[in-house]
């Protein structure tokens, strides 16, 4: 298999895994599969992470995510 095919498959797998987190968090059901709402929430998260409170938000979200992943 060519190097570009390997990289493409890695990228595809990564994107699928990220999409799975969106589903696992319940965002698809909670928003009625409204992609604009989901994207808006992700943009809000990005803004929060770039703010003065970014490190605090990252620590809180990381701890919660780790707990949930361990319990699932």
N, C-alpha and C. Protein backbone atom coordinates (compact mmCIF):
# COMPACT_ATOMS: atom_id res chain seq x y z
N UNK A 1 0.85 -1.18 0.00
CA UNK A 1 0.00 0.00 0.00
C UNK A 1 0.90 1.24 0.00
N UNK A 2 0.49 2.22 -0.73
CA UNK A 2 1.29 3.44 -0.85
C UNK A 2 1.20 4.28 0.43
N UNK A 3 2.23 5.06 0.65
CA UNK A 3 2.30 5.88 1.87
C UNK A 3 1.10 6.81 1.99
N UNK A 4 0.67 7.42 0.90
CA UNK A 4 -0.46 8.36 0.97
C UNK A 4 -1.75 7.63 1.34
N UNK A 5 -1.86 6.35 0.94
CA UNK A 5 -3.05 5.57 1.29
C UNK A 5 -3.06 5.25 2.78
N UNK A 6 -1.90 4.93 3.30
CA UNK A 6 -1.78 4.65 4.73
C UNK A 6 -2.15 5.89 5.53
N UNK A 7 -1.62 7.03 5.15
CA UNK A 7 -1.92 8.29 5.84
C UNK A 7 -3.40 8.64 5.74
N UNK A 8 -3.99 8.42 4.58
CA UNK A 8 -5.41 8.71 4.39
C UNK A 8 -6.26 7.83 5.30
N UNK A 9 -5.91 6.56 5.39
CA UNK A 9 -6.66 5.65 6.27
C UNK A 9 -6.52 6.05 7.74
N UNK A 10 -5.31 6.46 8.14
CA UNK A 10 -5.10 6.92 9.52
C UNK A 10 -5.97 8.14 9.81
N UNK A 11 -5.99 9.07 8.86
CA UNK A 11 -6.79 10.29 9.04
C UNK A 11 -8.28 9.94 9.10
N UNK A 12 -8.72 9.06 8.22
CA UNK A 12 -10.13 8.65 8.21
C UNK A 12 -10.51 8.00 9.53
N UNK A 13 -9.67 7.11 10.03
CA UNK A 13 -9.95 6.45 11.31
C UNK A 13 -10.03 7.48 12.44
N UNK A 14 -9.12 8.43 12.43
CA UNK A 14 -9.10 9.48 13.46
C UNK A 14 -10.41 10.29 13.42
N UNK A 15 -10.85 10.67 12.22
CA UNK A 15 -12.09 11.44 12.09
C UNK A 15 -13.30 10.63 12.54
N UNK A 16 -13.31 9.35 12.21
CA UNK A 16 -14.42 8.48 12.65
C UNK A 16 -14.45 8.38 14.17
N UNK A 17 -13.29 8.24 14.79
CA UNK A 17 -13.23 8.16 16.25
C UNK A 17 -13.73 9.45 16.89
N UNK A 18 -13.37 10.60 16.32
CA UNK A 18 -13.85 11.88 16.86
C UNK A 18 -15.36 11.99 16.71
N UNK A 19 -15.88 11.57 15.57
CA UNK A 19 -17.33 11.55 15.38
C UNK A 19 -18.02 10.65 16.38
N UNK A 20 -17.39 9.53 16.70
CA UNK A 20 -17.94 8.62 17.69
C UNK A 20 -18.06 9.28 19.06
N UNK A 21 -17.13 10.16 19.39
CA UNK A 21 -17.21 10.87 20.67
C UNK A 21 -18.41 11.81 20.70
N UNK A 22 -18.70 12.42 19.57
CA UNK A 22 -19.88 13.31 19.48
C UNK A 22 -21.14 12.49 19.75
N UNK A 23 -21.22 11.31 19.16
CA UNK A 23 -22.38 10.43 19.36
C UNK A 23 -22.41 9.93 20.80
N UNK A 24 -21.26 9.49 21.31
CA UNK A 24 -21.18 8.94 22.67
C UNK A 24 -21.59 9.97 23.72
N UNK A 25 -21.28 11.23 23.46
CA UNK A 25 -21.65 12.30 24.40
C UNK A 25 -23.14 12.60 24.35
N UNK A 26 -23.84 12.04 23.37
CA UNK A 26 -25.28 12.25 23.26
C UNK A 26 -25.65 13.51 22.49
N UNK A 27 -24.67 14.16 21.88
CA UNK A 27 -24.94 15.44 21.22
C UNK A 27 -25.84 15.29 20.00
N UNK A 28 -25.76 14.17 19.32
CA UNK A 28 -26.59 13.97 18.14
C UNK A 28 -28.06 13.93 18.55
N UNK A 29 -28.36 13.14 19.57
CA UNK A 29 -29.75 13.03 20.04
C UNK A 29 -30.22 14.32 20.70
N UNK A 30 -29.37 14.93 21.51
CA UNK A 30 -29.76 16.13 22.23
C UNK A 30 -30.04 17.32 21.31
N UNK A 31 -29.39 17.34 20.16
CA UNK A 31 -29.58 18.46 19.22
C UNK A 31 -30.50 18.10 18.07
N UNK A 32 -31.01 16.86 18.07
CA UNK A 32 -31.83 16.43 16.95
C UNK A 32 -31.01 16.35 15.67
N UNK A 33 -29.75 16.00 15.80
CA UNK A 33 -28.82 15.89 14.67
C UNK A 33 -28.67 17.21 13.92
N UNK A 34 -28.76 18.31 14.67
CA UNK A 34 -28.59 19.65 14.09
C UNK A 34 -27.10 19.98 14.06
N UNK A 35 -26.51 19.84 12.91
CA UNK A 35 -25.07 20.00 12.78
C UNK A 35 -24.61 21.42 13.03
N UNK A 36 -25.45 22.39 12.74
CA UNK A 36 -25.09 23.79 13.02
C UNK A 36 -24.96 24.00 14.52
N UNK A 37 -25.85 23.39 15.29
CA UNK A 37 -25.80 23.51 16.75
C UNK A 37 -24.55 22.82 17.29
N UNK A 38 -24.28 21.62 16.81
CA UNK A 38 -23.09 20.89 17.26
C UNK A 38 -21.83 21.67 16.90
N UNK A 39 -21.77 22.19 15.69
CA UNK A 39 -20.60 22.97 15.27
C UNK A 39 -20.47 24.23 16.11
N UNK A 40 -21.59 24.89 16.39
CA UNK A 40 -21.56 26.09 17.23
C UNK A 40 -21.03 25.78 18.62
N UNK A 41 -21.44 24.64 19.17
CA UNK A 41 -20.94 24.24 20.49
C UNK A 41 -19.44 23.98 20.45
N UNK A 42 -18.97 23.36 19.38
CA UNK A 42 -17.54 23.10 19.24
C UNK A 42 -16.76 24.41 19.11
N UNK A 43 -17.33 25.36 18.38
CA UNK A 43 -16.69 26.68 18.25
C UNK A 43 -16.64 27.39 19.59
N UNK A 44 -17.71 27.26 20.37
CA UNK A 44 -17.74 27.85 21.72
C UNK A 44 -16.64 27.23 22.57
N UNK A 45 -16.47 25.91 22.47
CA UNK A 45 -15.39 25.25 23.22
C UNK A 45 -14.03 25.78 22.80
N UNK A 46 -13.83 25.94 21.50
CA UNK A 46 -12.54 26.46 21.01
C UNK A 46 -12.28 27.86 21.55
N UNK A 47 -13.31 28.70 21.55
CA UNK A 47 -13.17 30.06 22.11
C UNK A 47 -12.80 30.00 23.58
N UNK A 48 -13.48 29.12 24.31
CA UNK A 48 -13.23 28.97 25.74
C UNK A 48 -11.78 28.53 25.99
N UNK A 49 -11.31 27.58 25.19
CA UNK A 49 -9.94 27.09 25.36
C UNK A 49 -8.89 28.14 25.05
N UNK A 50 -9.24 29.10 24.20
CA UNK A 50 -8.30 30.16 23.85
C UNK A 50 -8.39 31.36 24.80
N UNK A 51 -9.33 31.32 25.73
CA UNK A 51 -9.51 32.43 26.66
C UNK A 51 -8.58 32.29 27.86
N UNK A 52 -8.67 33.26 28.75
CA UNK A 52 -7.87 33.22 29.99
C UNK A 52 -8.24 32.02 30.85
N UNK A 53 -9.45 31.52 30.69
CA UNK A 53 -9.91 30.38 31.49
C UNK A 53 -9.66 29.05 30.78
N UNK A 54 -8.90 29.06 29.70
CA UNK A 54 -8.69 27.87 28.89
C UNK A 54 -8.07 26.71 29.64
N UNK A 55 -7.05 26.98 30.42
CA UNK A 55 -6.37 25.90 31.16
C UNK A 55 -7.32 25.27 32.18
N UNK A 56 -8.11 26.10 32.83
CA UNK A 56 -9.07 25.59 33.82
C UNK A 56 -10.14 24.74 33.13
N UNK A 57 -10.68 25.24 32.02
CA UNK A 57 -11.71 24.51 31.28
C UNK A 57 -11.16 23.17 30.79
N UNK A 58 -9.94 23.19 30.25
CA UNK A 58 -9.31 21.96 29.74
C UNK A 58 -9.18 20.93 30.87
N UNK A 59 -8.74 21.38 32.05
CA UNK A 59 -8.57 20.46 33.18
C UNK A 59 -9.91 19.86 33.61
N UNK A 60 -10.93 20.69 33.69
CA UNK A 60 -12.26 20.19 34.08
C UNK A 60 -12.80 19.20 33.05
N UNK A 61 -12.75 19.59 31.80
CA UNK A 61 -13.31 18.74 30.73
C UNK A 61 -12.52 17.44 30.61
N UNK A 62 -11.21 17.52 30.77
CA UNK A 62 -10.38 16.32 30.67
C UNK A 62 -10.71 15.34 31.79
N UNK A 63 -10.84 15.84 32.99
CA UNK A 63 -11.15 14.97 34.13
C UNK A 63 -12.52 14.31 33.94
N UNK A 64 -13.50 15.08 33.52
CA UNK A 64 -14.83 14.51 33.29
C UNK A 64 -14.80 13.48 32.17
N UNK A 65 -14.11 13.78 31.09
CA UNK A 65 -14.01 12.85 29.98
C UNK A 65 -13.33 11.55 30.36
N UNK A 66 -12.25 11.65 31.12
CA UNK A 66 -11.54 10.45 31.56
C UNK A 66 -12.42 9.57 32.44
N UNK A 67 -13.18 10.20 33.35
CA UNK A 67 -14.10 9.45 34.21
C UNK A 67 -15.14 8.71 33.37
N UNK A 68 -15.74 9.42 32.42
CA UNK A 68 -16.79 8.81 31.60
C UNK A 68 -16.24 7.69 30.72
N UNK A 69 -15.05 7.88 30.15
CA UNK A 69 -14.46 6.84 29.32
C UNK A 69 -14.13 5.58 30.14
N UNK A 70 -13.70 5.78 31.37
CA UNK A 70 -13.41 4.64 32.24
C UNK A 70 -14.67 3.88 32.61
N UNK A 71 -15.79 4.60 32.73
CA UNK A 71 -17.07 3.99 33.15
C UNK A 71 -17.87 3.42 31.98
N UNK A 72 -17.40 3.62 30.77
CA UNK A 72 -18.19 3.11 29.64
C UNK A 72 -17.62 1.84 29.05
